[in-house]
Amino acid sequence: MINPTDFPKPTLISVNGVELEVFEAGQQNIGKPIVLCHGWPEHAFSWRHQMPALAAAGYHVIVPNQRGYGNSSRPTEVTGYDIEHLSGDLIALLDHYEYEDATFVGHDWGAMVVWWLTLLHPNRVNGVINLSLPYQERGERPWIEWMEEIFGGDYYFVHFNRQLGVADAILKENTSRFLRNMFRKNAPPKKPEPGMVMINLAKAEEPLGEPIMSDSELAVFVSAFKSTGFTSSINWYRNLDRNWHLLADVNPIIQQPTLMIYGDRDVIPKSANLTEFVPNVEVVNLDCGHWIQQEKPEETNQAILKWLEQQAVT
């Protein structure tokens, strides 16, 4: 466990029409940038175990709270959270530091952003490390439309899009309980997540499963979301079909060297065709659930540092 008071102090940086709250480590390691992108419902603090290890290995570690999170800007328009804006923020962040390119690391929604960022701006990404969420193939139908047919209207991706404001209010009203129940170890997955899983987690009285962090660590997430609410971060989900259209004419193959880290107990399934879209990928499996870098920090650091060292040699 890490004492939140030991986490680096942030800087507010103006980029792409917004302000991003950015945490750094290894600022002296000029020329070796690595950008860590958090998921939902998370915070830059979710990378607290990786930042010192990467800095010690010689990297300039850049960890933004992406738009909609923490003390970063929260645009009011839903379309302000589409992939053009999210990827544009990260490219502008590279420009701010005067870096031509960087290695990008993503977990959960952050992984989705990194996959699409790499498609949209391939010359600015020299390597990809993603956790939990594998590359999502762009099928013939928009994602939410497809999910609604397969999983029904109560599936949380669909519910977020079709019942605007409902989940937002329930999660905000039950912020502490929801996050306490979210950040738990997963049992081995046996079936798809229930449709109302997020709302059920917000309403569940008893903690579900073993926690992955201390109360003081959890308090960082709780404090952040009590301040921001959930609408701005859920708006990322509300752009999935818009992103499907925005990615229509993009080459879907990622050529950059890539590390994909799965948790064997994760509720998100592994990809059956990853190498078709990410031919230069190496896969690592860890015995953990969804919150990989927080549940298994040492193993995650070892996998990342080993892969980075291999890329440096080649």
C-alpha atoms as a PDB file:
ATOM      1  CA  MET A   1       0.000   0.000   0.000  1.00  0.00           C
ATOM      2  CA  ILE A   2       1.124   3.565  -0.727  1.00  0.00           C
ATOM      3  CA  ASN A   3       0.493   6.588   1.454  1.00  0.00           C
ATOM      4  CA  PRO A   4      -1.424   9.108  -0.690  1.00  0.00           C
ATOM      5  CA  THR A   5       0.682  11.919   0.772  1.00  0.00           C
ATOM      6  CA  ASP A   6       3.703  10.405  -0.997  1.00  0.00           C
ATOM      7  CA  PHE A   7       2.062  10.741  -4.416  1.00  0.00           C
ATOM      8  CA  PRO A   8       3.580  13.513  -6.579  1.00  0.00           C
ATOM      9  CA  LYS A   9       1.949  16.928  -6.531  1.00  0.00           C
ATOM     10  CA  PRO A  10       0.135  17.755  -9.781  1.00  0.00           C
ATOM     11  CA  THR A  11       0.490  20.566 -12.281  1.00  0.00           C
ATOM     12  CA  LEU A  12      -2.383  22.031 -14.291  1.00  0.00           C
ATOM     13  CA  ILE A  13      -1.360  22.164 -17.957  1.00  0.00           C
ATOM     14  CA  SER A  14      -3.374  23.919 -20.668  1.00  0.00           C
ATOM     15  CA  VAL A  15      -3.678  21.760 -23.783  1.00  0.00           C
ATOM     16  CA  ASN A  16      -6.210  21.359 -26.597  1.00  0.00           C
ATOM     17  CA  GLY A  17      -8.653  23.862 -25.110  1.00  0.00           C
ATOM     18  CA  VAL A  18      -8.769  22.250 -21.647  1.00  0.00           C
ATOM     19  CA  GLU A  19      -6.642  22.028 -18.514  1.00  0.00           C
ATOM     20  CA  LEU A  20      -5.256  18.631 -17.529  1.00  0.00           C
ATOM     21  CA  GLU A  21      -4.136  17.775 -14.013  1.00  0.00           C
ATOM     22  CA  VAL A  22      -0.801  16.039 -14.633  1.00  0.00           C
ATOM     23  CA  PHE A  23       1.371  14.057 -12.233  1.00  0.00           C
ATOM     24  CA  GLU A  24       5.013  13.346 -13.069  1.00  0.00           C
ATOM     25  CA  ALA A  25       7.993  11.294 -11.948  1.00  0.00           C
ATOM     26  CA  GLY A  26      11.506  11.116 -13.373  1.00  0.00           C
ATOM     27  CA  GLN A  27      11.397  14.624 -14.850  1.00  0.00           C
ATOM     28  CA  GLN A  28      15.182  14.465 -15.091  1.00  0.00           C
ATOM     29  CA  ASN A  29      14.914  11.607 -17.604  1.00  0.00           C
ATOM     30  CA  ILE A  30      14.455  13.902 -20.583  1.00  0.00           C
ATOM     31  CA  GLY A  31      13.926  12.077 -23.866  1.00  0.00           C
ATOM     32  CA  LYS A  32      12.282   8.882 -22.575  1.00  0.00           C
ATOM     33  CA  PRO A  33       8.622   9.766 -22.099  1.00  0.00           C
ATOM     34  CA  ILE A  34       6.011   7.227 -21.072  1.00  0.00           C
ATOM     35  CA  VAL A  35       2.385   8.314 -20.674  1.00  0.00           C
ATOM     36  CA  LEU A  36       0.062   6.356 -18.371  1.00  0.00           C
ATOM     37  CA  CYS A  37      -3.682   6.541 -19.082  1.00  0.00           C
ATOM     38  CA  HIS A  38      -6.180   5.532 -16.396  1.00  0.00           C
ATOM     39  CA  GLY A  39      -9.545   3.820 -16.831  1.00  0.00           C
ATOM     40  CA  TRP A  40     -13.052   4.195 -15.365  1.00  0.00           C
ATOM     41  CA  PRO A  41     -13.911   4.936 -12.614  1.00  0.00           C
ATOM     42  CA  GLU A  42     -10.313   5.723 -11.809  1.00  0.00           C
ATOM     43  CA  HIS A  43      -7.744   8.486 -11.449  1.00  0.00           C
ATOM     44  CA  ALA A  44      -4.064   9.079 -12.150  1.00  0.00           C
ATOM     45  CA  PHE A  45      -3.510   7.689  -8.640  1.00  0.00           C
ATOM     46  CA  SER A  46      -4.220   4.202 -10.019  1.00  0.00           C
ATOM     47  CA  TRP A  47      -0.641   4.265 -11.420  1.00  0.00           C
ATOM     48  CA  ARG A  48       0.940   5.028  -8.022  1.00  0.00           C
ATOM     49  CA  HIS A  49       2.827   1.698  -7.982  1.00  0.00           C
ATOM     50  CA  GLN A  50       4.227   2.064 -11.509  1.00  0.00           C
ATOM     51  CA  MET A  51       5.430   5.661 -11.436  1.00  0.00           C
ATOM     52  CA  PRO A  52       8.478   5.232  -9.161  1.00  0.00           C
ATOM     53  CA  ALA A  53       9.530   1.978 -10.835  1.00  0.00           C
ATOM     54  CA  LEU A  54       9.424   3.512 -14.315  1.00  0.00           C
ATOM     55  CA  ALA A  55      11.210   6.657 -13.149  1.00  0.00           C
ATOM     56  CA  ALA A  56      13.948   4.533 -11.564  1.00  0.00           C
ATOM     57  CA  ALA A  57      14.321   2.718 -14.891  1.00  0.00           C
ATOM     58  CA  GLY A  58      15.099   6.015 -16.621  1.00  0.00           C
ATOM     59  CA  TYR A  59      11.697   7.128 -17.926  1.00  0.00           C
ATOM     60  CA  HIS A  60       9.989  10.500 -17.771  1.00  0.00           C
ATOM     61  CA  VAL A  61       6.630   9.353 -16.425  1.00  0.00           C
ATOM     62  CA  ILE A  62       3.640  11.515 -17.369  1.00  0.00           C
ATOM     63  CA  VAL A  63       0.291  10.650 -15.804  1.00  0.00           C
ATOM     64  CA  PRO A  64      -2.681  12.886 -16.613  1.00  0.00           C
ATOM     65  CA  ASN A  65      -6.100  12.884 -15.117  1.00  0.00           C
ATOM     66  CA  GLN A  66      -7.800  12.850 -18.486  1.00  0.00           C
ATOM     67  CA  ARG A  67     -10.630  15.284 -19.261  1.00  0.00           C
ATOM     68  CA  GLY A  68     -13.627  14.635 -17.048  1.00  0.00           C
ATOM     69  CA  TYR A  69     -11.559  13.357 -14.119  1.00  0.00           C
ATOM     70  CA  GLY A  70     -10.048  14.841 -10.976  1.00  0.00           C
ATOM     71  CA  ASN A  71      -9.163  18.505 -11.297  1.00  0.00           C
ATOM     72  CA  SER A  72      -8.942  18.360 -15.089  1.00  0.00           C
ATOM     73  CA  SER A  73     -11.515  20.224 -17.170  1.00  0.00           C
ATOM     74  CA  ARG A  74     -15.014  18.781 -17.501  1.00  0.00           C
ATOM     75  CA  PRO A  75     -16.625  20.077 -20.701  1.00  0.00           C
ATOM     76  CA  THR A  76     -20.416  20.205 -20.570  1.00  0.00           C
ATOM     77  CA  GLU A  77     -21.016  18.897 -24.108  1.00  0.00           C
ATOM     78  CA  VAL A  78     -21.190  15.124 -24.441  1.00  0.00           C
ATOM     79  CA  THR A  79     -19.299  15.260 -27.745  1.00  0.00           C
ATOM     80  CA  GLY A  80     -16.413  16.916 -25.912  1.00  0.00           C
ATOM     81  CA  TYR A  81     -15.411  13.407 -24.815  1.00  0.00           C
ATOM     82  CA  ASP A  82     -15.109  11.722 -28.205  1.00  0.00           C
ATOM     83  CA  ILE A  83     -11.876  10.095 -29.303  1.00  0.00           C
ATOM     84  CA  GLU A  84     -10.777  13.123 -31.330  1.00  0.00           C
ATOM     85  CA  HIS A  85     -10.804  15.210 -28.156  1.00  0.00           C
ATOM     86  CA  LEU A  86      -9.357  12.507 -25.867  1.00  0.00           C
ATOM     87  CA  SER A  87      -6.519  11.661 -28.256  1.00  0.00           C
ATOM     88  CA  GLY A  88      -6.008  15.337 -29.065  1.00  0.00           C
ATOM     89  CA  ASP A  89      -5.395  16.037 -25.377  1.00  0.00           C
ATOM     90  CA  LEU A  90      -2.622  13.444 -25.242  1.00  0.00           C
ATOM     91  CA  ILE A  91      -0.977  14.621 -28.467  1.00  0.00           C
ATOM     92  CA  ALA A  92      -1.078  18.202 -27.193  1.00  0.00           C
ATOM     93  CA  LEU A  93       0.498  16.986 -23.958  1.00  0.00           C
ATOM     94  CA  LEU A  94       3.412  15.556 -25.973  1.00  0.00           C
ATOM     95  CA  ASP A  95       3.709  18.905 -27.753  1.00  0.00           C
ATOM     96  CA  HIS A  96       3.774  20.686 -24.401  1.00  0.00           C
ATOM     97  CA  TYR A  97       6.803  18.650 -23.361  1.00  0.00           C
ATOM     98  CA  GLU A  98       8.301  18.931 -26.883  1.00  0.00           C
ATOM     99  CA  TYR A  99       8.284  15.175 -27.465  1.00  0.00           C
ATOM    100  CA  GLU A 100       7.874  13.780 -30.970  1.00  0.00           C
ATOM    101  CA  ASP A 101       6.544  10.482 -29.671  1.00  0.00           C
ATOM    102  CA  ALA A 102       6.162   8.389 -26.538  1.00  0.00           C
ATOM    103  CA  THR A 103       5.260   4.984 -25.205  1.00  0.00           C
ATOM    104  CA  PHE A 104       1.619   4.964 -24.136  1.00  0.00           C
ATOM    105  CA  VAL A 105       0.224   2.735 -21.410  1.00  0.00           C
ATOM    106  CA  GLY A 106      -3.497   2.270 -20.825  1.00  0.00           C
ATOM    107  CA  HIS A 107      -5.781   0.346 -18.505  1.00  0.00           C
ATOM    108  CA  ASP A 108      -9.515  -0.279 -19.045  1.00  0.00           C
ATOM    109  CA  TRP A 109     -10.939   2.818 -20.810  1.00  0.00           C
ATOM    110  CA  GLY A 110      -7.412   4.192 -20.911  1.00  0.00           C
ATOM    111  CA  ALA A 111      -6.441   1.167 -22.988  1.00  0.00           C
ATOM    112  CA  MET A 112      -9.263   1.893 -25.420  1.00  0.00           C
ATOM    113  CA  VAL A 113      -8.019   5.462 -25.767  1.00  0.00           C
ATOM    114  CA  VAL A 114      -4.467   4.239 -26.366  1.00  0.00           C
ATOM    115  CA  TRP A 115      -5.586   1.755 -29.045  1.00  0.00           C
ATOM    116  CA  TRP A 116      -7.479   4.477 -30.913  1.00  0.00           C
ATOM    117  CA  LEU A 117      -4.844   7.139 -30.316  1.00  0.00           C
ATOM    118  CA  THR A 118      -2.349   4.815 -31.984  1.00  0.00           C
ATOM    119  CA  LEU A 119      -4.639   4.395 -34.997  1.00  0.00           C
ATOM    120  CA  LEU A 120      -5.277   8.125 -35.329  1.00  0.00           C
ATOM    121  CA  HIS A 121      -1.733   9.360 -34.593  1.00  0.00           C
ATOM    122  CA  PRO A 122       0.618   6.455 -35.395  1.00  0.00           C
ATOM    123  CA  ASN A 123       3.677   8.674 -35.750  1.00  0.00           C
ATOM    124  CA  ARG A 124       3.345   9.924 -32.169  1.00  0.00           C
ATOM    125  CA  VAL A 125       3.290   6.451 -30.576  1.00  0.00           C
ATOM    126  CA  ASN A 126       6.484   4.386 -30.449  1.00  0.00           C
ATOM    127  CA  GLY A 127       5.098   1.565 -28.312  1.00  0.00           C
ATOM    128  CA  VAL A 128       1.868   0.392 -26.721  1.00  0.00           C
ATOM    129  CA  ILE A 129       1.305  -1.276 -23.348  1.00  0.00           C
ATOM    130  CA  ASN A 130      -2.325  -2.036 -22.552  1.00  0.00           C
ATOM    131  CA  LEU A 131      -3.905  -3.733 -19.569  1.00  0.00           C
ATOM    132  CA  SER A 132      -7.221  -5.581 -19.349  1.00  0.00           C
ATOM    133  CA  LEU A 133      -8.978  -4.273 -22.451  1.00  0.00           C
ATOM    134  CA  PRO A 134      -7.755  -5.856 -25.687  1.00  0.00           C
ATOM    135  CA  TYR A 135      -8.094  -4.248 -29.096  1.00  0.00           C
ATOM    136  CA  GLN A 136     -11.759  -3.870 -30.021  1.00  0.00           C
ATOM    137  CA  GLU A 137     -12.505  -4.700 -33.637  1.00  0.00           C
ATOM    138  CA  ARG A 138     -14.682  -2.151 -35.438  1.00  0.00           C
ATOM    139  CA  GLY A 139     -17.511  -4.307 -36.734  1.00  0.00           C
ATOM    140  CA  GLU A 140     -20.198  -3.538 -39.281  1.00  0.00           C
ATOM    141  CA  ARG A 141     -22.534  -1.919 -36.734  1.00  0.00           C
ATOM    142  CA  PRO A 142     -21.946   0.822 -34.129  1.00  0.00           C
ATOM    143  CA  TRP A 143     -20.890  -0.627 -30.784  1.00  0.00           C
ATOM    144  CA  ILE A 144     -23.843   0.458 -28.628  1.00  0.00           C
ATOM    145  CA  GLU A 145     -26.352  -0.646 -31.242  1.00  0.00           C
ATOM    146  CA  TRP A 146     -24.644  -4.046 -31.397  1.00  0.00           C
ATOM    147  CA  MET A 147     -24.418  -4.379 -27.600  1.00  0.00           C
ATOM    148  CA  GLU A 148     -28.087  -3.502 -27.169  1.00  0.00           C
ATOM    149  CA  GLU A 149     -29.094  -6.338 -29.458  1.00  0.00           C
ATOM    150  CA  ILE A 150     -26.757  -8.867 -27.840  1.00  0.00           C
ATOM    151  CA  PHE A 151     -26.941  -7.897 -24.132  1.00  0.00           C
ATOM    152  CA  GLY A 152     -30.167  -5.897 -23.861  1.00  0.00           C
ATOM    153  CA  GLY A 153     -31.046  -2.418 -22.680  1.00  0.00           C
ATOM    154  CA  ASP A 154     -29.961  -3.010 -19.077  1.00  0.00           C
ATOM    155  CA  TYR A 155     -26.351  -3.732 -20.025  1.00  0.00           C
ATOM    156  CA  TYR A 156     -24.431  -0.846 -18.485  1.00  0.00           C
ATOM    157  CA  PHE A 157     -22.825   0.382 -21.729  1.00  0.00           C
ATOM    158  CA  VAL A 158     -26.304   0.579 -23.255  1.00  0.00           C
ATOM    159  CA  HIS A 159     -27.982   1.929 -20.109  1.00  0.00           C
ATOM    160  CA  PHE A 160     -25.464   4.781 -19.891  1.00  0.00           C
ATOM    161  CA  ASN A 161     -26.434   5.784 -23.446  1.00  0.00           C
ATOM    162  CA  ARG A 162     -30.186   5.194 -23.403  1.00  0.00           C
ATOM    163  CA  GLN A 163     -31.059   6.330 -19.851  1.00  0.00           C
ATOM    164  CA  LEU A 164     -29.203   9.617 -19.660  1.00  0.00           C
ATOM    165  CA  GLY A 165     -28.537  10.802 -16.149  1.00  0.00           C
ATOM    166  CA  VAL A 166     -30.024   7.812 -14.318  1.00  0.00           C
ATOM    167  CA  ALA A 167     -26.826   5.932 -13.470  1.00  0.00           C
ATOM    168  CA  ASP A 168     -24.995   9.232 -13.003  1.00  0.00           C
ATOM    169  CA  ALA A 169     -27.305  10.209 -10.151  1.00  0.00           C
ATOM    170  CA  ILE A 170     -27.329   6.786  -8.478  1.00  0.00           C
ATOM    171  CA  LEU A 171     -23.537   6.481  -8.536  1.00  0.00           C
ATOM    172  CA  LYS A 172     -23.059  10.017  -7.206  1.00  0.00           C
ATOM    173  CA  GLU A 173     -25.535   9.400  -4.391  1.00  0.00           C
ATOM    174  CA  ASN A 174     -23.652   6.235  -3.432  1.00  0.00           C
ATOM    175  CA  THR A 175     -20.089   7.251  -4.347  1.00  0.00           C
ATOM    176  CA  SER A 176     -18.300   5.681  -1.378  1.00  0.00           C
ATOM    177  CA  ARG A 177     -20.223   2.410  -1.505  1.00  0.00           C
ATOM    178  CA  PHE A 178     -19.926   2.107  -5.280  1.00  0.00           C
ATOM    179  CA  LEU A 179     -16.160   2.605  -5.366  1.00  0.00           C
ATOM    180  CA  ARG A 180     -15.607   0.405  -2.311  1.00  0.00           C
ATOM    181  CA  ASN A 181     -17.475  -2.388  -4.095  1.00  0.00           C
ATOM    182  CA  MET A 182     -15.817  -1.737  -7.455  1.00  0.00           C
ATOM    183  CA  PHE A 183     -12.220  -2.010  -6.266  1.00  0.00           C
ATOM    184  CA  ARG A 184     -12.385  -5.664  -5.247  1.00  0.00           C
ATOM    185  CA  LYS A 185     -10.709  -8.813  -6.464  1.00  0.00           C
ATOM    186  CA  ASN A 186     -12.672 -10.731  -9.088  1.00  0.00           C
ATOM    187  CA  ALA A 187     -13.599 -14.384  -8.876  1.00  0.00           C
ATOM    188  CA  PRO A 188     -12.730 -16.390 -11.999  1.00  0.00           C
ATOM    189  CA  PRO A 189     -15.235 -15.217 -14.633  1.00  0.00           C
ATOM    190  CA  LYS A 190     -17.994 -17.720 -15.394  1.00  0.00           C
ATOM    191  CA  LYS A 191     -20.582 -15.597 -17.185  1.00  0.00           C
ATOM    192  CA  PRO A 192     -20.966 -12.096 -18.647  1.00  0.00           C
ATOM    193  CA  GLU A 193     -21.467  -9.206 -16.267  1.00  0.00           C
ATOM    194  CA  PRO A 194     -25.118  -8.644 -15.347  1.00  0.00           C
ATOM    195  CA  GLY A 195     -26.761  -5.744 -17.146  1.00  0.00           C
ATOM    196  CA  MET A 196     -27.281  -3.502 -14.119  1.00  0.00           C
ATOM    197  CA  VAL A 197     -23.933  -4.380 -12.567  1.00  0.00           C
ATOM    198  CA  MET A 198     -22.834  -0.780 -11.885  1.00  0.00           C
ATOM    199  CA  ILE A 199     -26.084   0.240 -10.243  1.00  0.00           C
ATOM    200  CA  ASN A 200     -26.131  -3.023  -8.277  1.00  0.00           C
ATOM    201  CA  LEU A 201     -22.627  -2.276  -6.992  1.00  0.00           C
ATOM    202  CA  ALA A 202     -23.733   1.185  -5.922  1.00  0.00           C
ATOM    203  CA  LYS A 203     -26.662  -0.225  -3.970  1.00  0.00           C
ATOM    204  CA  ALA A 204     -25.047  -3.318  -2.437  1.00  0.00           C
ATOM    205  CA  GLU A 205     -24.844  -2.920   1.339  1.00  0.00           C
ATOM    206  CA  GLU A 206     -22.125  -5.484   1.994  1.00  0.00           C
ATOM    207  CA  PRO A 207     -18.654  -5.257   0.420  1.00  0.00           C
ATOM    208  CA  LEU A 208     -18.317  -7.712  -2.439  1.00  0.00           C
ATOM    209  CA  GLY A 209     -15.013  -9.561  -2.385  1.00  0.00           C
ATOM    210  CA  GLU A 210     -11.583  -8.738  -1.040  1.00  0.00           C
ATOM    211  CA  PRO A 211     -10.393  -5.107  -1.370  1.00  0.00           C
ATOM    212  CA  ILE A 212      -7.364  -4.300  -3.508  1.00  0.00           C
ATOM    213  CA  MET A 213      -6.342  -1.151  -1.640  1.00  0.00           C
ATOM    214  CA  SER A 214      -6.238   0.443   1.792  1.00  0.00           C
ATOM    215  CA  ASP A 215      -8.920   2.783   3.094  1.00  0.00           C
ATOM    216  CA  SER A 216      -6.570   5.750   2.684  1.00  0.00           C
ATOM    217  CA  GLU A 217      -5.927   4.834  -0.954  1.00  0.00           C
ATOM    218  CA  LEU A 218      -9.634   4.352  -1.639  1.00  0.00           C
ATOM    219  CA  ALA A 219     -10.285   7.764  -0.109  1.00  0.00           C
ATOM    220  CA  VAL A 220      -8.382   9.400  -3.001  1.00  0.00           C
ATOM    221  CA  PHE A 221     -10.858   7.984  -5.527  1.00  0.00           C
ATOM    222  CA  VAL A 222     -13.882   8.709  -3.340  1.00  0.00           C
ATOM    223  CA  SER A 223     -12.838  12.313  -2.773  1.00  0.00           C
ATOM    224  CA  ALA A 224     -12.244  12.863  -6.497  1.00  0.00           C
ATOM    225  CA  PHE A 225     -15.631  11.508  -7.581  1.00  0.00           C
ATOM    226  CA  LYS A 226     -17.524  13.239  -4.774  1.00  0.00           C
ATOM    227  CA  SER A 227     -16.099  16.442  -6.223  1.00  0.00           C
ATOM    228  CA  THR A 228     -16.730  15.731  -9.919  1.00  0.00           C
ATOM    229  CA  GLY A 229     -19.678  13.361  -9.929  1.00  0.00           C
ATOM    230  CA  PHE A 230     -19.782  10.704 -12.649  1.00  0.00           C
ATOM    231  CA  THR A 231     -21.414  12.370 -15.659  1.00  0.00           C
ATOM    232  CA  SER A 232     -18.210  13.658 -17.254  1.00  0.00           C
ATOM    233  CA  SER A 233     -16.520  10.246 -17.082  1.00  0.00           C
ATOM    234  CA  ILE A 234     -19.641   8.337 -18.196  1.00  0.00           C
ATOM    235  CA  ASN A 235     -19.756  10.674 -21.205  1.00  0.00           C
ATOM    236  CA  TRP A 236     -16.803   8.689 -22.559  1.00  0.00           C
ATOM    237  CA  TYR A 237     -19.243   5.770 -22.948  1.00  0.00           C
ATOM    238  CA  ARG A 238     -21.768   8.061 -24.622  1.00  0.00           C
ATOM    239  CA  ASN A 239     -19.351   8.635 -27.494  1.00  0.00           C
ATOM    240  CA  LEU A 240     -18.797   5.011 -28.437  1.00  0.00           C
ATOM    241  CA  ASP A 241     -21.024   5.096 -31.492  1.00  0.00           C
ATOM    242  CA  ARG A 242     -19.651   8.518 -32.452  1.00  0.00           C
ATOM    243  CA  ASN A 243     -16.154   7.058 -32.204  1.00  0.00           C
ATOM    244  CA  TRP A 244     -17.233   4.143 -34.388  1.00  0.00           C
ATOM    245  CA  HIS A 245     -18.048   6.669 -37.123  1.00  0.00           C
ATOM    246  CA  LEU A 246     -14.893   8.727 -36.536  1.00  0.00           C
ATOM    247  CA  LEU A 247     -12.740   5.619 -36.993  1.00  0.00           C
ATOM    248  CA  ALA A 248     -14.426   4.560 -40.233  1.00  0.00           C
ATOM    249  CA  ASP A 249     -11.593   5.476 -42.594  1.00  0.00           C
ATOM    250  CA  VAL A 250      -8.654   4.675 -40.322  1.00  0.00           C
ATOM    251  CA  ASN A 251      -6.261   1.802 -41.014  1.00  0.00           C
ATOM    252  CA  PRO A 252      -7.269  -0.681 -38.267  1.00  0.00           C
ATOM    253  CA  ILE A 253      -3.876  -2.413 -37.962  1.00  0.00           C
ATOM    254  CA  ILE A 254      -1.536  -1.378 -35.169  1.00  0.00           C
ATOM    255  CA  GLN A 255       2.068  -1.890 -36.241  1.00  0.00           C
ATOM    256  CA  GLN A 256       3.809  -0.600 -33.114  1.00  0.00           C
ATOM    257  CA  PRO A 257       5.415  -3.121 -30.751  1.00  0.00           C
ATOM    258  CA  THR A 258       2.785  -3.893 -28.140  1.00  0.00           C
ATOM    259  CA  LEU A 259       2.495  -5.538 -24.748  1.00  0.00           C
ATOM    260  CA  MET A 260      -0.947  -6.817 -23.738  1.00  0.00           C
ATOM    261  CA  ILE A 261      -1.388  -7.703 -20.049  1.00  0.00           C
ATOM    262  CA  TYR A 262      -4.447  -9.712 -19.041  1.00  0.00           C
ATOM    263  CA  GLY A 263      -5.791 -10.644 -15.629  1.00  0.00           C
ATOM    264  CA  ASP A 264      -6.892 -14.275 -15.688  1.00  0.00           C
ATOM    265  CA  ARG A 265      -9.768 -13.445 -13.308  1.00  0.00           C
ATOM    266  CA  ASP A 266     -10.863 -10.344 -15.172  1.00  0.00           C
ATOM    267  CA  VAL A 267     -14.527 -10.057 -16.126  1.00  0.00           C
ATOM    268  CA  ILE A 268     -13.417  -8.661 -19.502  1.00  0.00           C
ATOM    269  CA  PRO A 269     -12.715 -11.563 -21.879  1.00  0.00           C
ATOM    270  CA  LYS A 270      -9.430 -11.972 -23.701  1.00  0.00           C
ATOM    271  CA  SER A 271      -9.264 -11.393 -27.430  1.00  0.00           C
ATOM    272  CA  ALA A 272      -9.466 -14.395 -29.729  1.00  0.00           C
ATOM    273  CA  ASN A 273      -8.036 -12.513 -32.727  1.00  0.00           C
ATOM    274  CA  LEU A 274      -5.637  -9.989 -31.228  1.00  0.00           C
ATOM    275  CA  THR A 275      -2.750 -10.762 -33.579  1.00  0.00           C
ATOM    276  CA  GLU A 276      -4.922 -10.051 -36.628  1.00  0.00           C
ATOM    277  CA  PHE A 277      -5.040  -6.384 -35.652  1.00  0.00           C
ATOM    278  CA  VAL A 278      -1.910  -6.110 -33.482  1.00  0.00           C
ATOM    279  CA  PRO A 279       0.661  -8.335 -35.228  1.00  0.00           C
ATOM    280  CA  ASN A 280       3.629  -7.232 -33.096  1.00  0.00           C
ATOM    281  CA  VAL A 281       2.058  -8.068 -29.749  1.00  0.00           C
ATOM    282  CA  GLU A 282       3.435  -9.953 -26.760  1.00  0.00           C
ATOM    283  CA  VAL A 283       0.881 -11.261 -24.262  1.00  0.00           C
ATOM    284  CA  VAL A 284       1.360 -11.641 -20.499  1.00  0.00           C
ATOM    285  CA  ASN A 285      -1.238 -13.227 -18.205  1.00  0.00           C
ATOM    286  CA  LEU A 286      -1.336 -12.497 -14.478  1.00  0.00           C
ATOM    287  CA  ASP A 287      -3.362 -14.266 -11.788  1.00  0.00           C
ATOM    288  CA  CYS A 288      -5.601 -11.345 -10.861  1.00  0.00           C
ATOM    289  CA  GLY A 289      -8.819  -9.569 -11.689  1.00  0.00           C
ATOM    290  CA  HIS A 290      -9.599  -6.365 -13.545  1.00  0.00           C
ATOM    291  CA  TRP A 291      -7.550  -3.859 -11.542  1.00  0.00           C
ATOM    292  CA  ILE A 292      -4.275  -5.389 -12.715  1.00  0.00           C
ATOM    293  CA  GLN A 293      -1.690  -2.718 -11.885  1.00  0.00           C
ATOM    294  CA  GLN A 294      -3.215  -2.094  -8.455  1.00  0.00           C
ATOM    295  CA  GLU A 295      -3.869  -5.713  -7.491  1.00  0.00           C
ATOM    296  CA  LYS A 296      -0.541  -7.099  -8.753  1.00  0.00           C
ATOM    297  CA  PRO A 297       1.779  -4.070  -8.798  1.00  0.00           C
ATOM    298  CA  GLU A 298       5.110  -5.904  -8.574  1.00  0.00           C
ATOM    299  CA  GLU A 299       4.213  -8.452 -11.252  1.00  0.00           C
ATOM    300  CA  THR A 300       2.859  -5.677 -13.470  1.00  0.00           C
ATOM    301  CA  ASN A 301       6.021  -3.624 -13.046  1.00  0.00           C
ATOM    302  CA  GLN A 302       8.200  -6.628 -13.825  1.00  0.00           C
ATOM    303  CA  ALA A 303       6.260  -7.394 -17.008  1.00  0.00           C
ATOM    304  CA  ILE A 304       6.371  -3.783 -18.194  1.00  0.00           C
ATOM    305  CA  LEU A 305      10.045  -3.216 -17.394  1.00  0.00           C
ATOM    306  CA  LYS A 306      11.101  -6.504 -18.993  1.00  0.00           C
ATOM    307  CA  TRP A 307       9.223  -5.648 -22.177  1.00  0.00           C
ATOM    308  CA  LEU A 308      10.600  -2.098 -22.271  1.00  0.00           C
ATOM    309  CA  GLU A 309      14.124  -3.428 -21.845  1.00  0.00           C
ATOM    310  CA  GLN A 310      13.590  -5.828 -24.734  1.00  0.00           C
ATOM    311  CA  GLN A 311      12.394  -2.978 -26.952  1.00  0.00           C
ATOM    312  CA  ALA A 312      15.456  -0.920 -26.058  1.00  0.00           C
ATOM    313  CA  VAL A 313      17.745  -3.781 -27.104  1.00  0.00           C
ATOM    314  CA  THR A 314      15.983  -4.376 -30.407  1.00  0.00           C
END
